[in-house]
Protein backbone atom coordinates (compact mmCIF):
# COMPACT_ATOMS: atom_id res chain seq x y z
CA MET A 1 90.95 94.74 135.44
CA LYS A 2 87.37 95.91 135.96
CA ILE A 3 86.87 99.34 134.47
CA LEU A 4 83.93 101.71 134.91
CA MET A 5 83.64 104.13 132.00
CA VAL A 6 81.54 107.26 132.53
CA LEU A 7 80.17 109.33 129.65
CA ASP A 8 77.56 112.06 129.74
CA HIS A 9 75.47 111.16 126.72
CA GLU A 10 73.42 108.33 125.26
CA PHE A 11 75.33 105.18 124.36
CA PRO A 12 75.59 103.75 121.79
CA PRO A 13 76.60 105.18 119.37
CA ASP A 14 80.05 106.65 119.93
CA ILE A 15 82.75 105.32 117.60
CA ARG A 16 85.68 106.27 119.80
CA VAL A 17 84.20 104.79 122.97
CA GLU A 18 83.16 101.64 121.12
CA ASN A 19 86.69 101.23 119.76
CA GLU A 20 88.22 101.65 123.21
CA ILE A 21 85.79 99.14 124.72
CA ALA A 22 86.53 96.56 122.02
CA SER A 23 90.30 96.86 122.46
CA LEU A 24 90.20 96.71 126.25
CA HIS A 25 87.77 93.79 126.16
CA ASN A 26 90.04 91.90 123.74
CA ALA A 27 92.94 92.58 126.11
CA GLY A 28 91.04 90.73 128.86
CA HIS A 29 89.47 93.61 130.80
CA GLU A 30 85.86 93.78 132.00
CA ILE A 31 84.17 97.02 130.95
CA HIS A 32 81.09 98.69 132.42
CA ILE A 33 79.57 101.88 131.02
CA ALA A 34 77.58 104.47 133.01
CA CYS A 35 75.55 106.77 130.77
CA PHE A 36 72.26 108.60 130.98
CA THR A 37 69.22 107.94 128.82
CA ARG A 38 66.59 110.33 127.55
CA GLN A 39 65.04 107.69 125.29
CA ASN A 40 63.98 105.13 127.92
CA GLY A 41 66.92 102.86 127.19
CA GLU A 42 67.36 99.66 129.17
CA ALA A 43 68.61 100.25 132.71
CA LEU A 44 71.02 97.32 132.40
CA GLU A 45 72.20 95.87 129.10
CA LYS A 46 74.86 93.22 128.62
CA THR A 47 76.61 93.17 125.25
CA SER A 48 79.39 90.97 123.92
CA THR A 49 82.02 93.49 125.06
CA CYS A 50 80.60 95.44 128.02
CA VAL A 51 77.82 96.03 130.54
CA ILE A 52 75.85 99.25 130.06
CA HIS A 53 74.22 100.96 133.05
CA ARG A 54 71.67 103.63 132.13
CA LYS A 55 69.78 106.07 134.28
CA ARG A 56 66.93 108.25 133.14
CA ILE A 57 67.80 111.95 133.18
CA SER A 58 65.18 114.65 133.49
CA ALA A 59 65.11 117.69 131.24
CA PHE A 60 66.11 119.84 134.23
CA PHE A 61 69.24 117.83 135.08
CA TYR A 62 70.15 117.49 131.40
CA LYS A 63 69.98 121.26 130.82
CA SER A 64 71.87 121.96 134.05
CA SER A 65 74.99 120.33 132.61
CA VAL A 66 76.08 123.63 131.05
CA ALA A 67 76.28 125.14 134.54
CA CYS A 68 77.79 122.14 136.30
CA LEU A 69 80.77 124.11 137.66
CA THR A 70 78.60 126.81 139.24
CA LEU A 71 75.40 124.94 140.19
CA PRO A 72 75.28 121.60 142.05
CA PHE A 73 72.49 119.76 140.26
CA TYR A 74 74.30 117.90 137.47
CA PHE A 75 77.09 116.57 139.67
CA ALA A 76 74.49 115.51 142.27
CA TYR A 77 72.74 113.38 139.61
CA TRP A 78 76.00 111.70 138.62
CA ARG A 79 77.23 111.14 142.19
CA LYS A 80 74.04 109.25 143.00
CA PHE A 81 74.19 107.26 139.76
CA VAL A 82 77.83 106.22 140.10
CA THR A 83 77.47 105.50 143.84
CA ASP A 84 74.57 103.14 143.13
CA ILE A 85 76.76 101.23 140.67
CA LEU A 86 79.67 101.09 143.12
CA VAL A 87 77.40 99.59 145.77
CA ARG A 88 76.78 96.60 143.47
CA TYR A 89 80.18 96.26 141.79
CA SER A 90 83.83 96.85 142.61
CA PHE A 91 86.23 98.34 140.06
CA ASP A 92 89.95 98.80 139.59
CA ALA A 93 89.66 102.00 137.56
CA ILE A 94 87.22 104.75 136.61
CA HIS A 95 87.62 106.05 133.07
CA VAL A 96 85.86 109.38 132.49
CA HIS A 97 85.18 110.48 128.92
CA ASP A 98 85.60 114.23 128.47
CA LEU A 99 86.17 117.01 130.96
CA PRO A 100 82.75 117.81 132.50
CA LEU A 101 82.51 114.68 134.68
CA ALA A 102 86.19 114.62 135.68
CA ARG A 103 85.23 115.67 139.20
CA ILE A 104 83.19 112.49 139.60
CA GLY A 105 86.18 110.42 138.55
CA PHE A 106 88.46 112.18 141.01
CA GLU A 107 85.98 111.77 143.86
CA VAL A 108 85.71 108.02 143.20
CA ASN A 109 89.49 107.81 143.00
CA ARG A 110 89.86 109.54 146.34
CA ARG A 111 87.14 107.57 148.17
CA HIS A 112 87.76 104.11 146.74
CA GLY A 113 91.47 104.19 145.93
CA ILE A 114 91.09 103.14 142.30
CA LYS A 115 92.82 104.54 139.21
CA PHE A 116 91.37 107.67 137.62
CA ILE A 117 91.79 107.94 133.84
CA LEU A 118 90.64 111.15 132.16
CA ASP A 119 89.94 110.75 128.43
CA LEU A 120 89.77 114.18 126.79
CA HIS A 121 88.10 113.94 123.39
CA GLU A 122 87.85 117.73 123.07
CA ASN A 123 89.55 120.94 124.11
CA TRP A 124 86.60 121.66 126.39
CA PRO A 125 87.45 125.22 127.45
CA ALA A 126 87.78 126.16 123.76
CA PHE A 127 84.52 124.37 123.00
CA VAL A 128 82.77 126.38 125.71
CA ALA A 129 84.33 129.62 124.49
CA ALA A 130 82.97 129.04 120.97
CA ALA A 131 79.50 127.73 121.87
CA ASP A 132 76.52 129.99 121.15
CA HIS A 133 74.75 129.21 124.43
CA THR A 134 77.74 130.21 126.57
CA ASN A 135 78.25 133.51 124.78
CA THR A 136 75.00 134.96 126.06
CA LEU A 137 75.04 137.04 129.26
CA ALA A 138 73.46 134.17 131.22
CA GLY A 139 75.89 131.70 129.68
CA LYS A 140 78.91 133.75 130.69
CA ILE A 141 77.61 133.89 134.27
CA VAL A 142 76.80 130.19 134.76
CA SER A 143 79.57 128.73 132.56
CA PRO A 144 82.55 131.14 132.50
CA VAL A 145 85.43 130.04 130.31
CA GLY A 146 88.00 130.96 132.95
CA LEU A 147 86.44 128.52 135.39
CA TRP A 148 86.65 125.73 132.80
CA ILE A 149 90.33 126.50 132.19
CA SER A 150 91.08 126.23 135.92
CA TYR A 151 88.97 123.08 136.23
CA GLU A 152 90.79 121.40 133.35
CA ARG A 153 94.20 122.23 134.82
CA GLN A 154 93.12 120.87 138.21
CA MET A 155 91.63 117.64 136.87
CA VAL A 156 94.58 116.93 134.57
CA SER A 157 96.91 117.22 137.55
CA ARG A 158 94.78 114.83 139.63
CA ALA A 159 94.27 112.05 137.09
CA ASP A 160 96.52 109.00 137.11
CA TRP A 161 96.51 109.07 133.30
CA VAL A 162 95.24 111.59 130.77
CA ILE A 163 94.32 110.49 127.25
CA THR A 164 94.28 113.02 124.41
CA VAL A 165 93.37 112.63 120.74
CA VAL A 166 96.34 114.34 119.15
CA GLU A 167 99.87 115.53 119.89
CA GLU A 168 98.85 119.19 119.77
CA MET A 169 96.36 118.57 122.58
CA ARG A 170 99.04 116.81 124.64
CA ASP A 171 101.44 119.70 124.11
CA ARG A 172 98.78 122.24 125.14
CA LEU A 173 98.08 120.38 128.38
CA THR A 174 101.80 120.03 129.10
CA ALA A 175 102.32 123.77 128.53
CA ASN A 176 99.54 124.39 131.06
CA GLY A 177 101.34 122.39 133.73
CA GLY A 178 100.32 118.81 132.93
CA ASN A 179 102.82 116.04 133.60
CA PRO A 180 104.05 114.83 130.18
CA ASP A 181 104.86 111.40 131.63
CA LYS A 182 101.20 110.66 132.28
CA ILE A 183 99.63 112.12 129.14
CA ILE A 184 99.23 109.76 126.18
CA VAL A 185 97.89 110.24 122.66
CA VAL A 186 95.13 107.99 121.27
CA PRO A 187 93.99 109.43 117.91
CA ASN A 188 90.52 108.89 116.42
CA THR A 189 91.75 106.39 113.86
CA ILE A 190 89.59 103.68 112.27
CA ARG A 191 89.24 99.96 112.76
CA ILE A 192 90.15 98.75 109.31
CA GLY A 193 88.06 95.58 109.50
CA GLU A 194 84.87 97.64 109.73
CA TYR A 195 85.35 99.12 106.24
CA PRO A 196 85.20 97.30 102.91
CA GLU A 197 88.57 96.78 101.28
CA SER A 198 87.33 97.13 97.71
CA GLU A 199 87.11 100.63 96.28
CA ARG A 200 84.53 101.90 93.82
CA ILE A 201 86.03 103.57 90.77
CA PRO A 202 84.50 107.07 90.52
CA ASP A 203 82.79 108.21 87.35
CA THR A 204 85.43 110.13 85.40
CA ASP A 205 82.90 112.47 83.75
CA THR A 206 82.43 114.43 86.96
CA VAL A 207 84.70 115.33 89.86
CA ILE A 208 82.98 114.99 93.23
CA LEU A 209 84.10 116.95 96.30
CA LEU A 210 82.64 115.24 99.36
CA TYR A 211 82.22 116.19 103.02
CA SER A 212 80.80 113.81 105.63
CA GLY A 213 79.87 114.61 109.21
CA GLY A 214 78.10 117.21 111.31
CA ILE A 215 76.91 120.44 109.73
CA ASP A 216 77.35 123.44 112.04
CA ASN A 217 78.97 126.82 111.65
CA GLN A 218 82.38 125.66 112.94
CA ARG A 219 82.69 123.06 110.17
CA GLY A 220 83.41 125.83 107.68
CA LEU A 221 81.13 124.41 104.99
CA HIS A 222 80.20 127.89 103.80
CA ILE A 223 83.76 128.19 102.41
CA PRO A 224 83.45 125.46 99.74
CA ILE A 225 79.95 126.72 98.91
CA GLU A 226 81.24 130.27 98.39
CA ALA A 227 84.08 128.81 96.32
CA MET A 228 81.85 126.75 94.03
CA PRO A 229 80.97 129.51 91.49
CA GLN A 230 84.67 130.04 90.77
CA ILE A 231 85.30 126.30 90.62
CA ILE A 232 82.38 125.78 88.23
CA ARG A 233 83.57 128.56 85.93
CA GLU A 234 86.85 126.73 85.40
CA GLN A 235 85.69 123.15 85.93
CA PRO A 236 81.94 122.82 85.11
CA ASN A 237 82.04 119.08 85.83
CA VAL A 238 82.69 119.53 89.58
CA ARG A 239 79.98 118.62 92.11
CA LEU A 240 79.90 119.17 95.88
CA TRP A 241 78.30 116.47 98.05
CA LEU A 242 77.50 117.20 101.71
CA VAL A 243 76.71 114.07 103.72
CA GLY A 244 75.32 114.71 107.20
CA LYS A 245 72.99 116.96 109.10
CA GLY A 246 73.12 119.80 111.59
CA SER A 247 71.95 123.22 112.68
CA PHE A 248 73.67 125.08 109.82
CA GLU A 249 72.17 123.00 107.01
CA ASN A 250 69.24 125.30 106.14
CA LYS A 251 71.49 128.36 105.95
CA LEU A 252 73.80 126.54 103.58
CA LYS A 253 70.88 125.50 101.40
CA GLU A 254 69.67 129.09 101.26
CA ARG A 255 73.13 130.26 100.19
CA VAL A 256 73.29 127.60 97.48
CA GLU A 257 70.00 128.93 96.07
CA GLN A 258 71.24 132.53 96.22
CA LEU A 259 74.40 131.59 94.32
CA LYS A 260 72.33 129.62 91.76
CA ILE A 261 74.51 126.53 92.11
CA SER A 262 71.88 124.03 93.25
CA GLY A 263 72.61 121.88 90.19
CA HIS A 264 76.17 121.41 91.46
CA VAL A 265 75.54 120.83 95.19
CA VAL A 266 73.84 117.77 96.72
CA PHE A 267 72.72 117.57 100.36
CA TRP A 268 72.51 113.87 101.19
CA GLY A 269 71.34 114.29 104.79
CA TRP A 270 72.24 111.79 107.48
CA GLN A 271 73.41 108.40 106.26
CA ASP A 272 74.19 105.26 108.24
CA PRO A 273 77.92 104.41 108.37
CA ALA A 274 77.80 101.88 105.51
CA ALA A 275 75.91 104.24 103.19
CA MET A 276 78.18 107.13 104.13
CA TYR A 277 81.31 105.13 103.34
CA ALA A 278 79.81 104.04 100.01
CA LEU A 279 79.38 107.72 99.12
CA ILE A 280 82.98 108.43 100.16
CA GLN A 281 84.12 105.71 97.78
CA GLN A 282 82.32 107.44 94.91
CA ALA A 283 84.07 110.76 95.54
CA HIS A 284 87.23 112.05 93.86
CA ILE A 285 88.30 114.53 96.58
CA ALA A 286 87.32 114.47 100.27
CA ILE A 287 87.22 117.72 102.22
CA ILE A 288 87.61 118.88 105.83
CA PRO A 289 86.87 122.61 105.70
CA TYR A 290 86.90 123.33 109.47
CA LEU A 291 87.39 126.90 110.62
CA ARG A 292 90.55 127.29 112.66
CA THR A 293 89.95 127.60 116.41
CA MET A 294 91.79 126.46 119.51
CA GLN A 295 89.56 123.38 119.35
CA THR A 296 90.04 122.45 115.69
CA ASP A 297 93.81 123.10 115.87
CA CYS A 298 93.91 120.24 118.40
CA SER A 299 91.41 117.90 116.73
CA SER A 300 91.62 114.37 115.35
CA PRO A 301 88.61 113.95 113.05
CA ASN A 302 87.71 110.33 112.40
CA LYS A 303 86.69 111.31 108.86
CA LEU A 304 90.31 112.13 107.98
CA PHE A 305 91.29 108.48 108.39
CA GLN A 306 88.12 107.24 106.67
CA TYR A 307 88.97 109.39 103.66
CA MET A 308 92.58 108.22 103.62
CA TYR A 309 91.66 104.54 103.90
CA ALA A 310 89.20 104.95 101.02
CA GLY A 311 92.12 106.20 98.93
CA LYS A 312 90.80 109.74 98.52
CA PRO A 313 93.02 112.81 98.38
CA VAL A 314 92.11 115.17 101.22
CA LEU A 315 91.55 118.89 100.77
CA ALA A 316 91.52 120.43 104.24
CA SER A 317 91.79 123.79 105.93
CA ASN A 318 95.06 124.55 107.68
CA CYS A 319 94.01 123.47 111.19
CA THR A 320 97.30 122.61 112.88
CA SER A 321 96.81 118.93 113.72
CA VAL A 322 95.07 117.99 110.46
CA LYS A 323 97.61 119.87 108.35
CA ARG A 324 100.48 118.12 110.14
CA ILE A 325 99.10 114.66 109.35
CA ILE A 326 98.29 115.52 105.72
CA GLU A 327 101.78 116.90 105.14
CA GLU A 328 103.43 113.99 106.97
CA THR A 329 101.55 111.38 104.94
CA LYS A 330 101.49 113.34 101.66
CA SER A 331 97.80 112.53 101.40
CA GLY A 332 96.32 115.85 100.30
CA ARG A 333 96.46 119.63 100.15
CA CYS A 334 95.66 122.39 102.65
CA TYR A 335 94.25 125.88 102.15
CA GLU A 336 93.82 128.99 104.33
CA HIS A 337 90.79 128.13 106.45
CA ASN A 338 88.54 131.14 105.80
CA ILE A 339 89.53 132.04 102.23
CA PRO A 340 87.10 130.69 99.57
CA PHE A 341 89.48 131.76 96.79
CA ASP A 342 92.27 129.60 98.22
CA PHE A 343 89.87 126.66 98.54
CA SER A 344 88.77 127.08 94.91
CA ALA A 345 92.35 127.31 93.67
CA LYS A 346 93.40 124.10 95.43
CA ALA A 347 90.19 122.30 94.41
CA ILE A 348 90.67 123.26 90.75
CA GLU A 349 94.28 122.06 90.81
CA LEU A 350 93.21 118.66 92.14
CA ALA A 351 90.22 118.42 89.83
CA LYS A 352 92.46 118.92 86.80
CA ASN A 353 95.23 116.55 87.89
CA THR A 354 94.02 112.95 87.98
CA PRO A 355 97.49 111.38 88.45
CA GLU A 356 98.15 113.60 91.47
CA ARG A 357 94.80 112.69 93.01
CA ILE A 358 95.52 109.01 92.57
CA GLN A 359 99.00 109.29 94.12
CA LEU A 360 97.79 111.32 97.11
CA GLY A 361 95.03 108.76 97.68
CA LYS A 362 97.51 105.90 97.58
CA ASN A 363 99.76 107.69 100.05
CA GLY A 364 96.87 108.17 102.46
CA LYS A 365 95.73 104.57 102.31
CA SER A 366 99.26 103.28 102.81
CA SER A 367 99.65 105.51 105.89
CA VAL A 368 96.46 104.14 107.43
CA LEU A 369 97.50 100.55 106.79
CA LYS A 370 100.94 101.14 108.31
CA LYS A 371 100.30 103.61 111.13
CA TYR A 372 96.98 105.44 111.42
CA ASN A 373 94.72 102.49 112.26
CA TRP A 374 93.06 101.56 115.52
CA ASP A 375 95.14 98.43 116.14
CA LYS A 376 98.26 100.60 116.26
CA THR A 377 96.51 103.44 118.09
CA ALA A 378 95.13 101.18 120.84
CA GLU A 379 98.55 99.96 121.92
CA SER A 380 99.15 102.94 124.21
CA LEU A 381 95.62 102.70 125.63
CA ILE A 382 96.08 99.04 126.53
CA LYS A 383 99.50 99.76 128.01
CA ILE A 384 98.17 102.05 130.74
CA TYR A 385 95.89 99.23 131.95
CA SER A 386 98.61 96.57 131.91
């Protein structure tokens, strides 16, 4: 089949999209990508697995995306872009990544009679409800949450197939009227071959708690920072490593200084994937301290499976989907998401108990090798295109 994927950001990078492309390409499908560029990327690029079509987007059209359901500009940009591609190529399916551009996928489906696949990486209405820019007066007018809820329900009902990242997301869509027979789960698992098999043995003189990924207020990173004084009092050899960057980073650094724990906390900044994974291998405990929201309760963080494959016990907040996997695989411990004392108690327990850490890490790695890897995950994705 010839498949046109549509995603409303720069590409690459996007690990999930790249994984899907690789699997579909290996299954014999021809993949084209339509994405915008703000960095003067090549208009047409042919890679070993896909053809990438890029169109320059102005600042005006880019910023209008937040109001796409109430103002016509963003959809107008994408209609023209996708139409220009369809003039030159014919496709058997249009595969839209995330909710905002679902309308474009449905319109192409209706006009050209090709399959419409809607790939929902996020609980978009919940994302909108939590975003700072949509909680202003202007944001509530141009991007009301209620409109996004209705739009999601409508687009899910119109798609030939809906892809979600986790069972909790599937169940939410089904409860809102989605057809369970056309909703599949494709978690954000890892492609094992992209990660080194050998594991570095951590220095036993210190116990390193590590987080990798974006740094914003929803990641809950203030919880482990607030917990560190208590942890240090009982376990002075514990260190906290934060690998990544984001809008909340400076506030966290300020809090570290206020708590006088800068000697125990390291901000590594952004690292390329290889360097990030090398740091994960040096850690003793890997953390996912997300705050619980409707979004994070239905999330499938790629880092969870990276941690597990690296053989690290996971200390995570009690977000529903993450907690379910950790308990199923016996790969870590969970704490109450907004309680620093609970985080510190669980962290201290793990820091003191080396045999338990080793066993939890082994359980996690075994689960990735047997089940939570991309080769297994991709089977349901490939099936809908067979």
